[in-house]
Amino acid sequence: MLMIQNSGEAPPEGFCLLGVSTTRNCNVEGAIGQFGSGTKHAINVLLRAGLQVTVYCGRTCMKFKTYADKVDDGLVTQAVDRVYVQFSGTSTKRVDLGWVLDFGAVDWTELGMAIREFVSNAIDRTVREESGQFEAAIKEGRLAVRKVADTEVRAKTGYTRVFITSNDEIDAYLKELPKRFLHFSEKPDNVKKRLLLKEDRNLTAGKRSAMIYREGVFVRELKEQAANSLYDYNFRVDEIEIDECRNSSEYSVRAACARAMRGAGPDELVPVFRSLTQMEDTFESALEPCYICSAFDTPPEVYKESWQKAWKAVAGDSVMCEPTAQQATLVARKGKSVQTVTSSGWAMAAERFGIETSAKVLTSAEVQGRESSPVTPAAKRAVEEVWGWVVSLGMANGREIPEIKCFHDLTNAEADTMGYYDDGVVHIREDIASGGNKYLLKTAFEEVVHHVTSAGDGSRDFSNFLIDMIVEIAA
């Protein structure tokens, strides 16, 4: 038999009434119960598997069983198994629990889900009894999860005991108990930590994917992620969402992991930064920057200090560069020490935490792989000619002729960008800026219009200016 024991006598209603949860809103650190349905689902899981579950609340014994019944809706008659509890010890009453055996059958499908529920309840009662602590209770045997002989199935005053018929699946779960509950691991203080360096916690052989915990209780293993993880993650109750089956989606887990990295300390960030500089593909390197630190966030100074301190420990005064060779080259040309990282997303986030990145050192054009070059006579003439058209039509909007520069692409000579306008400067790509031609005039005209209107491509203001100009010419 498997015995799950904790000190303190649970109310029988906690096993019999849907919605009853003695830990919901109890405000004790480490308590996780909230739904008031898990114990009832767990009982059904075990009964569906043909296993007996016996609960002792002090001297009160409860055995959960089923009896056959029928439900007739006027069209068909359906056979159902109704669940009831037979009391003994302090009472001999029999109570119909008001649900059938198939309650929860769609989602509650594994024996491990039932064991997790009972163990979690035992931990919850222990931390409530002992002001958030549990280590002493485990060491002294008050909180216990272990195999016992049939002769040990009995009540104990002052305790709640759950006895479950064992089988191979339950035995396997019991062997994995330290991986499923950090409380029973070799390092129970990990229950109070958010980020846990990878150790032998994975349930799937050969995997080093992130293991996700909630107050030390296993939630999920991110097996769908091919990359290894640097950390396992243990969240507080309000930091990760779970459904009534105690599961959490990959999406919400990834967002929670990113937020955990946002508030990580310097020592916790160092392994991540070191991995990024070594160009390793990890779970952490693929975390979305919008969750680490969105463009709308203003990170607290303590976060900025942690990030900057960690980066300095790994890369000194080097500028963090995205994984593009041209950016590193341009930063180096400016006399800066360079350190490339494997993830553009982390570079974006790091910039918001005050780390010097290529985005801070380079112009927006250089970040896009463009380098300025001296203006050619042909480009100068083309812009001046176009400007003359605009002025002659009285459409300069009070602006002065823009500054003119040429540029070249560092990586892709076949790029479609032939010109661009940025901060009062018209840029013309140098390979079309030699000799007078209509293509050069078209490019110069487009960028001059951007200068006059301060409007982007496809905007209504940009279109209106072109229409007005055509009408002025034709009128």
Protein backbone atom coordinates (compact mmCIF):
# COMPACT_ATOMS: atom_id res chain seq x y z
CA MET A 1 0.00 0.00 0.00
CA LEU A 2 1.06 3.59 -0.57
CA MET A 3 0.63 5.86 2.46
CA ILE A 4 0.48 9.66 2.27
CA GLN A 5 0.51 11.19 5.75
CA ASN A 6 0.53 14.62 7.33
CA SER A 7 -0.05 15.95 10.81
CA GLY A 8 -3.39 17.63 11.40
CA GLU A 9 -6.82 16.14 10.88
CA ALA A 10 -8.42 17.23 7.63
CA PRO A 11 -12.21 17.78 7.67
CA PRO A 12 -14.05 14.91 5.96
CA GLU A 13 -15.89 17.54 3.89
CA GLY A 14 -12.60 18.25 2.09
CA PHE A 15 -12.94 14.82 0.45
CA CYS A 16 -16.70 14.80 -0.01
CA LEU A 17 -17.93 18.29 -0.98
CA LEU A 18 -17.07 19.81 -4.35
CA GLY A 19 -15.56 23.27 -4.01
CA VAL A 20 -14.31 22.89 -0.44
CA SER A 21 -10.68 24.03 -0.22
CA THR A 22 -9.14 24.81 3.15
CA THR A 23 -6.04 26.36 1.55
CA ARG A 24 -7.68 28.76 -0.89
CA ASN A 25 -6.73 32.32 0.14
CA CYS A 26 -4.97 31.07 3.28
CA ASN A 27 -2.02 33.45 2.62
CA VAL A 28 0.59 31.00 3.91
CA GLU A 29 3.77 30.92 1.84
CA GLY A 30 4.15 27.58 0.08
CA ALA A 31 0.46 26.61 0.06
CA ILE A 32 -0.92 25.92 -3.41
CA GLY A 33 -4.48 24.57 -3.08
CA GLN A 34 -7.21 26.66 -4.66
CA PHE A 35 -9.85 24.83 -6.68
CA GLY A 36 -11.59 22.56 -4.18
CA SER A 37 -12.06 19.82 -6.76
CA GLY A 38 -8.72 18.03 -7.00
CA THR A 39 -9.20 15.54 -4.18
CA LYS A 40 -12.55 14.47 -5.62
CA HIS A 41 -11.03 14.03 -9.09
CA ALA A 42 -8.15 12.08 -7.56
CA ILE A 43 -10.55 9.68 -5.86
CA ASN A 44 -12.31 9.05 -9.19
CA VAL A 45 -8.99 8.47 -11.01
CA LEU A 46 -8.11 5.73 -8.51
CA LEU A 47 -11.55 4.13 -8.57
CA ARG A 48 -11.56 4.07 -12.38
CA ALA A 49 -8.23 2.22 -12.21
CA GLY A 50 -9.77 -0.35 -9.86
CA LEU A 51 -7.70 0.80 -6.89
CA GLN A 52 -9.03 1.20 -3.37
CA VAL A 53 -8.53 4.52 -1.59
CA THR A 54 -8.98 4.75 2.16
CA VAL A 55 -8.72 8.03 4.05
CA TYR A 56 -8.33 8.49 7.79
CA CYS A 57 -9.06 11.94 9.22
CA GLY A 58 -7.89 11.24 12.73
CA ARG A 59 -10.04 8.31 13.94
CA THR A 60 -12.63 8.83 11.18
CA CYS A 61 -12.26 6.32 8.32
CA MET A 62 -13.63 6.85 4.82
CA LYS A 63 -13.68 4.20 2.10
CA PHE A 64 -14.75 5.34 -1.36
CA LYS A 65 -16.82 2.97 -3.49
CA THR A 66 -19.34 2.94 -6.35
CA TYR A 67 -22.74 1.43 -7.01
CA ALA A 68 -24.57 0.90 -10.29
CA ASP A 69 -27.41 3.21 -11.24
CA LYS A 70 -29.26 4.45 -14.33
CA VAL A 71 -30.10 7.87 -15.73
CA ASP A 72 -33.06 8.21 -18.12
CA ASP A 73 -33.41 11.39 -20.18
CA GLY A 74 -36.58 10.26 -21.94
CA LEU A 75 -34.73 9.12 -25.04
CA VAL A 76 -32.09 6.76 -23.76
CA THR A 77 -31.25 5.08 -20.49
CA GLN A 78 -27.62 5.36 -19.47
CA ALA A 79 -25.86 3.16 -16.96
CA VAL A 80 -23.71 5.10 -14.48
CA ASP A 81 -21.56 4.26 -11.49
CA ARG A 82 -22.34 6.57 -8.59
CA VAL A 83 -19.63 7.33 -6.07
CA TYR A 84 -20.27 7.10 -2.35
CA VAL A 85 -18.24 7.04 0.85
CA GLN A 86 -18.67 4.57 3.67
CA PHE A 87 -17.66 5.94 7.07
CA SER A 88 -16.35 3.91 9.97
CA GLY A 89 -14.54 4.57 13.21
CA THR A 90 -16.33 7.64 14.54
CA SER A 91 -19.37 7.16 12.28
CA THR A 92 -21.09 4.42 10.31
CA LYS A 93 -22.97 6.62 7.85
CA ARG A 94 -22.94 6.16 4.10
CA VAL A 95 -22.97 9.32 1.99
CA ASP A 96 -23.79 9.54 -1.70
CA LEU A 97 -21.27 12.08 -3.00
CA GLY A 98 -23.43 13.44 -5.82
CA TRP A 99 -21.13 12.59 -8.70
CA VAL A 100 -20.51 9.62 -10.96
CA LEU A 101 -17.34 7.70 -11.70
CA ASP A 102 -16.91 9.40 -15.09
CA PHE A 103 -16.63 12.83 -13.46
CA GLY A 104 -13.29 14.20 -14.75
CA ALA A 105 -12.61 11.21 -17.01
CA VAL A 106 -11.80 13.40 -20.04
CA ASP A 107 -8.99 15.36 -18.39
CA TRP A 108 -7.94 13.41 -15.30
CA THR A 109 -6.45 10.41 -17.05
CA GLU A 110 -3.30 9.37 -15.17
CA LEU A 111 -2.73 7.80 -11.77
CA GLY A 112 0.11 10.27 -11.22
CA MET A 113 -2.41 13.11 -11.25
CA ALA A 114 -4.20 11.52 -8.29
CA ILE A 115 -0.99 10.91 -6.32
CA ARG A 116 0.14 14.48 -7.01
CA GLU A 117 -3.11 15.80 -5.57
CA PHE A 118 -2.91 13.86 -2.33
CA VAL A 119 0.78 14.64 -1.80
CA SER A 120 0.14 18.33 -2.53
CA ASN A 121 -2.68 18.34 0.03
CA ALA A 122 -0.37 16.80 2.63
CA ILE A 123 2.29 19.43 1.93
CA ASP A 124 -0.30 22.22 2.08
CA ARG A 125 -1.53 21.11 5.50
CA THR A 126 2.05 20.79 6.74
CA VAL A 127 3.10 24.31 5.70
CA ARG A 128 -0.09 25.68 7.25
CA GLU A 129 0.57 23.80 10.48
CA GLU A 130 4.23 24.83 10.61
CA SER A 131 4.18 28.43 9.33
CA GLY A 132 5.44 27.69 5.85
CA GLN A 133 8.04 25.10 6.88
CA PHE A 134 8.08 21.41 5.99
CA GLU A 135 11.68 20.13 6.28
CA ALA A 136 11.42 19.12 9.95
CA ALA A 137 8.11 17.38 9.31
CA ILE A 138 9.73 15.22 6.61
CA LYS A 139 12.79 14.43 8.70
CA GLU A 140 10.68 13.50 11.72
CA GLY A 141 8.18 11.48 9.67
CA ARG A 142 5.11 13.66 10.26
CA LEU A 143 4.98 14.35 6.52
CA ALA A 144 5.53 11.04 4.73
CA VAL A 145 4.97 9.41 1.35
CA ARG A 146 6.04 5.77 1.43
CA LYS A 147 5.10 2.14 0.94
CA VAL A 148 3.62 0.34 3.96
CA ALA A 149 2.42 -3.15 4.70
CA ASP A 150 -1.29 -3.90 4.76
CA THR A 151 -1.07 -4.36 8.51
CA GLU A 152 -0.08 -0.67 8.87
CA VAL A 153 -3.31 0.60 7.32
CA ARG A 154 -4.86 2.18 10.38
CA ALA A 155 -5.83 5.50 11.93
CA LYS A 156 -3.54 7.83 13.85
CA THR A 157 -4.95 10.49 16.10
CA GLY A 158 -3.92 14.00 15.07
CA TYR A 159 -3.03 12.93 11.52
CA THR A 160 -4.55 12.62 8.06
CA ARG A 161 -3.61 9.41 6.28
CA VAL A 162 -4.43 8.36 2.72
CA PHE A 163 -3.87 4.71 1.79
CA ILE A 164 -3.94 3.62 -1.87
CA THR A 165 -3.62 0.16 -3.34
CA SER A 166 -0.24 0.10 -5.06
CA ASN A 167 0.68 -1.11 -8.54
CA ASP A 168 3.63 -0.77 -10.93
CA GLU A 169 2.59 2.71 -12.11
CA ILE A 170 2.31 4.03 -8.57
CA ASP A 171 5.63 2.39 -7.62
CA ALA A 172 7.29 4.16 -10.57
CA TYR A 173 5.78 7.48 -9.49
CA LEU A 174 7.08 6.95 -5.96
CA LYS A 175 10.62 6.48 -7.30
CA GLU A 176 10.28 9.80 -9.13
CA LEU A 177 8.97 11.61 -6.04
CA PRO A 178 12.14 13.76 -5.53
CA LYS A 179 11.84 15.00 -9.14
CA ARG A 180 8.12 15.68 -8.87
CA PHE A 181 8.25 17.37 -5.46
CA LEU A 182 11.29 19.47 -4.61
CA HIS A 183 10.27 19.09 -0.95
CA PHE A 184 11.45 15.46 -1.04
CA SER A 185 14.63 16.11 -3.03
CA GLU A 186 18.18 16.21 -1.65
CA LYS A 187 17.93 20.01 -1.68
CA PRO A 188 14.52 20.85 -0.18
CA ASP A 189 15.53 24.51 0.14
CA ASN A 190 15.11 24.67 -3.65
CA VAL A 191 11.38 25.03 -2.95
CA LYS A 192 12.11 28.65 -2.05
CA LYS A 193 14.19 29.37 -5.19
CA ARG A 194 12.88 30.46 -8.58
CA LEU A 195 15.80 29.51 -10.83
CA LEU A 196 17.43 26.11 -10.37
CA LEU A 197 20.58 25.21 -12.30
CA LYS A 198 20.02 22.01 -14.27
CA GLU A 199 20.52 18.78 -12.38
CA ASP A 200 19.10 15.30 -12.76
CA ARG A 201 15.45 16.29 -12.50
CA ASN A 202 14.10 15.36 -15.94
CA LEU A 203 11.51 12.60 -16.08
CA THR A 204 12.24 11.81 -19.74
CA ALA A 205 15.47 9.91 -20.22
CA GLY A 206 18.08 11.74 -22.24
CA LYS A 207 16.32 15.12 -22.03
CA ARG A 208 17.64 18.32 -20.48
CA SER A 209 14.55 20.38 -21.20
CA ALA A 210 13.20 22.82 -18.64
CA MET A 211 11.31 21.32 -15.71
CA ILE A 212 8.55 23.61 -14.44
CA TYR A 213 7.45 23.66 -10.81
CA ARG A 214 4.89 25.63 -8.83
CA GLU A 215 5.78 26.03 -5.14
CA GLY A 216 8.04 23.00 -5.56
CA VAL A 217 5.35 20.83 -7.19
CA PHE A 218 6.02 19.56 -10.73
CA VAL A 219 3.79 21.14 -13.38
CA ARG A 220 5.29 20.10 -16.72
CA GLU A 221 8.41 19.14 -18.59
CA LEU A 222 8.96 21.21 -21.74
CA LYS A 223 9.67 18.15 -23.88
CA GLU A 224 8.48 19.95 -27.01
CA GLN A 225 11.59 22.16 -26.82
CA ALA A 226 14.50 20.58 -28.71
CA ALA A 227 17.14 22.82 -27.13
CA ASN A 228 18.58 22.06 -23.70
CA SER A 229 17.76 24.36 -20.81
CA LEU A 230 20.25 26.00 -18.46
CA TYR A 231 17.70 26.17 -15.67
CA ASP A 232 14.65 24.52 -14.19
CA TYR A 233 11.98 26.96 -12.98
CA ASN A 234 10.02 27.06 -9.74
CA PHE A 235 7.27 29.67 -9.57
CA ARG A 236 5.18 31.14 -6.81
CA VAL A 237 1.42 30.60 -6.88
CA ASP A 238 0.68 33.95 -8.54
CA GLU A 239 3.49 33.72 -11.11
CA ILE A 240 2.14 30.95 -13.32
CA GLU A 241 -1.37 29.99 -14.36
CA ILE A 242 -2.65 26.43 -14.07
CA ASP A 243 -5.95 24.91 -15.06
CA GLU A 244 -8.13 22.73 -12.85
CA CYS A 245 -6.07 19.69 -13.91
CA ARG A 246 -3.01 21.49 -12.47
CA ASN A 247 -1.51 21.81 -15.97
CA SER A 248 -0.08 24.93 -17.60
CA SER A 249 0.26 25.75 -21.31
CA GLU A 250 3.63 26.04 -23.01
CA TYR A 251 2.83 29.64 -23.92
CA SER A 252 2.17 30.76 -20.34
CA VAL A 253 5.19 28.81 -19.10
CA ARG A 254 7.55 30.45 -21.60
CA ALA A 255 6.23 33.88 -20.63
CA ALA A 256 6.74 33.12 -16.94
CA CYS A 257 10.29 31.87 -17.59
CA ALA A 258 11.11 35.08 -19.46
CA ARG A 259 9.77 37.16 -16.59
CA ALA A 260 11.90 35.13 -14.20
CA MET A 261 14.97 36.04 -16.25
CA ARG A 262 13.99 39.71 -16.09
CA GLY A 263 14.29 39.71 -12.30
CA ALA A 264 17.23 37.31 -12.05
CA GLY A 265 20.25 38.21 -9.96
CA PRO A 266 23.77 38.70 -11.39
CA ASP A 267 24.91 35.20 -10.42
CA GLU A 268 21.84 33.69 -12.10
CA LEU A 269 22.33 35.73 -15.28
CA VAL A 270 26.03 34.93 -15.68
CA PRO A 271 25.45 31.34 -16.98
CA VAL A 272 22.92 32.68 -19.50
CA PHE A 273 25.20 35.45 -20.78
CA ARG A 274 28.12 33.05 -20.96
CA SER A 275 26.01 30.62 -22.99
CA LEU A 276 24.87 33.44 -25.30
CA THR A 277 28.46 34.54 -25.98
CA GLN A 278 29.41 30.93 -26.75
CA MET A 279 26.65 30.94 -29.37
CA GLU A 280 24.81 28.02 -27.75
CA ASP A 281 21.26 27.19 -28.72
CA THR A 282 19.33 26.89 -25.46
CA PHE A 283 15.76 27.21 -24.21
CA GLU A 284 16.74 30.49 -22.57
CA SER A 285 18.29 31.96 -25.74
CA ALA A 286 14.92 31.61 -27.50
CA LEU A 287 12.85 33.35 -24.81
CA GLU A 288 10.76 36.17 -26.25
CA PRO A 289 12.27 39.63 -25.53
CA CYS A 290 8.81 41.17 -25.23
CA TYR A 291 8.32 39.14 -22.04
CA ILE A 292 11.85 39.65 -20.74
CA CYS A 293 11.45 43.40 -21.11
CA SER A 294 8.99 44.91 -23.55
CA ALA A 295 9.42 48.26 -25.23
CA PHE A 296 6.84 49.64 -22.80
CA ASP A 297 8.68 48.49 -19.68
CA THR A 298 10.98 50.62 -17.58
CA PRO A 299 13.03 48.06 -15.65
CA PRO A 300 13.71 48.90 -12.00
CA GLU A 301 17.24 50.08 -11.27
CA VAL A 302 17.93 46.92 -9.29
CA TYR A 303 17.21 44.86 -12.43
CA LYS A 304 19.44 47.09 -14.55
CA GLU A 305 22.23 46.80 -11.99
CA SER A 306 21.98 43.00 -11.99
CA TRP A 307 22.04 42.74 -15.79
CA GLN A 308 24.94 45.15 -16.20
CA LYS A 309 26.95 43.46 -13.45
CA ALA A 310 26.40 40.02 -14.99
CA TRP A 311 27.36 41.21 -18.48
CA LYS A 312 30.52 42.85 -17.18
CA ALA A 313 31.47 39.61 -15.41
CA VAL A 314 31.17 37.70 -18.67
CA ALA A 315 32.28 40.19 -21.34
CA GLY A 316 33.95 43.11 -19.56
CA ASP A 317 33.40 46.39 -21.42
CA SER A 318 32.49 44.69 -24.70
CA VAL A 319 29.53 45.89 -26.71
CA MET A 320 26.83 43.22 -27.04
CA CYS A 321 26.19 42.63 -30.75
CA GLU A 322 23.42 40.74 -32.46
CA PRO A 323 24.48 37.63 -34.41
CA THR A 324 25.26 39.52 -37.63
CA ALA A 325 28.85 39.87 -38.81
CA GLN A 326 28.40 43.34 -40.30
CA GLN A 327 27.26 44.84 -36.97
CA ALA A 328 30.29 43.46 -35.16
CA THR A 329 32.53 44.80 -37.92
CA LEU A 330 31.04 48.29 -37.75
CA VAL A 331 31.23 48.40 -33.95
CA ALA A 332 34.87 47.30 -34.06
CA ARG A 333 35.63 50.05 -36.59
CA LYS A 334 34.43 52.54 -34.01
CA GLY A 335 37.17 51.34 -31.66
CA LYS A 336 34.89 49.27 -29.43
CA SER A 337 35.49 45.78 -28.05
CA VAL A 338 32.84 43.44 -29.45
CA GLN A 339 31.04 40.37 -28.11
CA THR A 340 28.47 38.70 -30.35
CA VAL A 341 25.59 36.75 -28.81
CA THR A 342 23.46 34.04 -30.34
CA SER A 343 20.11 35.79 -29.85
CA SER A 344 18.90 39.09 -31.31
CA GLY A 345 16.05 39.02 -28.77
CA TRP A 346 18.42 39.06 -25.82
CA ALA A 347 20.37 41.94 -27.35
CA MET A 348 17.11 43.89 -27.66
CA ALA A 349 16.25 43.17 -24.04
CA ALA A 350 19.78 43.94 -22.82
CA GLU A 351 19.61 47.40 -24.38
CA ARG A 352 16.59 48.20 -22.20
CA PHE A 353 18.53 47.13 -19.13
CA GLY A 354 21.28 49.62 -19.89
CA ILE A 355 23.86 47.25 -21.39
CA GLU A 356 25.80 48.83 -24.23
CA THR A 357 24.66 47.13 -27.43
CA SER A 358 25.27 47.62 -31.13
CA ALA A 359 21.93 49.45 -31.32
CA LYS A 360 23.38 52.15 -29.04
CA VAL A 361 26.73 52.42 -30.84
CA LEU A 362 25.53 52.28 -34.46
CA THR A 363 23.13 54.45 -36.40
CA SER A 364 19.82 52.94 -37.45
CA ALA A 365 21.18 52.58 -40.99
CA GLU A 366 24.30 50.79 -39.77
CA VAL A 367 22.19 48.44 -37.71
CA GLN A 368 20.42 47.49 -40.96
CA GLY A 369 23.77 46.78 -42.61
CA ARG A 370 24.22 50.07 -44.48
CA GLU A 371 27.35 52.18 -44.38
CA SER A 372 27.53 55.82 -45.43
CA SER A 373 29.86 56.87 -48.24
CA PRO A 374 30.69 60.27 -49.81
CA VAL A 375 28.01 61.79 -51.98
CA THR A 376 28.60 61.50 -55.74
CA PRO A 377 28.18 64.49 -58.09
CA ALA A 378 25.38 62.66 -59.91
CA ALA A 379 23.42 62.08 -56.67
CA LYS A 380 23.88 65.71 -55.67
CA ARG A 381 22.63 66.93 -59.05
CA ALA A 382 19.61 64.60 -58.96
CA VAL A 383 18.45 65.81 -55.52
CA GLU A 384 19.03 69.45 -56.46
CA GLU A 385 17.05 69.01 -59.67
CA VAL A 386 14.13 67.40 -57.85
CA TRP A 387 14.26 70.09 -55.19
CA GLY A 388 14.00 72.67 -57.94
CA TRP A 389 10.76 71.07 -59.12
CA VAL A 390 9.30 71.19 -55.62
CA VAL A 391 10.29 74.81 -55.03
CA SER A 392 9.02 75.95 -58.43
CA LEU A 393 5.59 74.56 -57.57
CA GLY A 394 5.59 76.25 -54.17
CA MET A 395 5.37 72.93 -52.35
CA ALA A 396 8.49 72.97 -50.13
CA ASN A 397 6.34 73.50 -47.01
CA GLY A 398 8.94 75.88 -45.60
CA ARG A 399 11.67 73.23 -45.65
CA GLU A 400 15.26 73.73 -46.80
CA ILE A 401 16.95 71.42 -49.28
CA PRO A 402 17.98 68.23 -47.45
CA GLU A 403 21.51 67.07 -46.85
CA ILE A 404 22.61 64.39 -49.32
CA LYS A 405 24.65 61.24 -48.71
CA CYS A 406 25.33 57.96 -50.46
CA PHE A 407 25.47 54.51 -48.89
CA HIS A 408 26.32 50.93 -49.70
CA ASP A 409 25.02 47.64 -48.30
CA LEU A 410 27.56 45.61 -46.40
CA THR A 411 26.11 42.19 -47.05
CA ASN A 412 23.59 42.12 -49.90
CA ALA A 413 24.40 44.07 -53.03
CA GLU A 414 21.09 42.94 -54.53
CA ALA A 415 18.97 44.60 -51.81
CA ASP A 416 15.86 46.45 -52.97
CA THR A 417 16.52 49.61 -50.94
CA MET A 418 17.85 52.19 -53.40
CA GLY A 419 17.38 55.15 -51.09
CA TYR A 420 16.06 56.16 -47.71
CA TYR A 421 15.40 59.30 -45.72
CA ASP A 422 16.58 59.67 -42.13
CA ASP A 423 16.73 62.70 -39.85
CA GLY A 424 17.01 65.41 -42.50
CA VAL A 425 19.32 63.44 -44.82
CA VAL A 426 18.48 61.90 -48.19
CA HIS A 427 20.54 58.75 -48.80
CA ILE A 428 21.09 57.34 -52.29
CA ARG A 429 22.66 53.94 -52.88
CA GLU A 430 26.03 54.52 -54.48
CA ASP A 431 25.72 51.93 -57.26
CA ILE A 432 22.87 53.97 -58.89
CA ALA A 433 24.42 57.35 -58.04
CA SER A 434 26.88 57.53 -60.91
CA GLY A 435 25.78 59.46 -63.98
CA GLY A 436 22.39 60.99 -64.70
CA ASN A 437 19.52 58.54 -65.23
CA LYS A 438 15.79 58.42 -64.63
CA TYR A 439 16.10 55.72 -61.96
CA LEU A 440 18.35 57.99 -59.93
CA LEU A 441 15.82 60.83 -60.35
CA LYS A 442 12.95 58.55 -59.21
CA THR A 443 14.87 57.58 -56.08
CA ALA A 444 15.83 61.19 -55.35
CA PHE A 445 12.24 62.31 -55.87
CA GLU A 446 10.80 59.73 -53.45
CA GLU A 447 13.24 60.62 -50.68
CA VAL A 448 12.76 64.37 -51.18
CA VAL A 449 9.00 63.87 -50.76
CA HIS A 450 9.69 62.07 -47.48
CA HIS A 451 11.76 65.10 -46.44
CA VAL A 452 9.02 67.59 -47.31
CA THR A 453 6.10 65.64 -45.84
CA SER A 454 7.81 63.82 -42.94
CA ALA A 455 5.51 60.96 -43.95
CA GLY A 456 6.29 57.30 -44.53
CA ASP A 457 5.68 55.12 -47.56
CA GLY A 458 2.03 54.29 -48.08
CA SER A 459 0.78 57.00 -45.72
CA ARG A 460 -2.11 59.27 -46.71
CA ASP A 461 0.04 62.41 -46.38
CA PHE A 462 2.61 60.95 -48.75
CA SER A 463 -0.07 60.06 -51.32
CA ASN A 464 -1.81 63.44 -51.03
CA PHE A 465 1.46 65.28 -51.71
CA LEU A 466 2.05 63.28 -54.89
CA ILE A 467 -1.54 63.89 -56.07
CA ASP A 468 -1.29 67.61 -55.32
CA MET A 469 1.98 67.82 -57.21
CA ILE A 470 0.53 66.09 -60.27
CA VAL A 471 -2.43 68.47 -60.23
CA GLU A 472 -0.10 71.52 -59.94
CA ILE A 473 1.91 70.32 -62.94
CA ALA A 474 -1.14 69.49 -65.05
CA ALA A 475 -3.23 72.57 -64.17
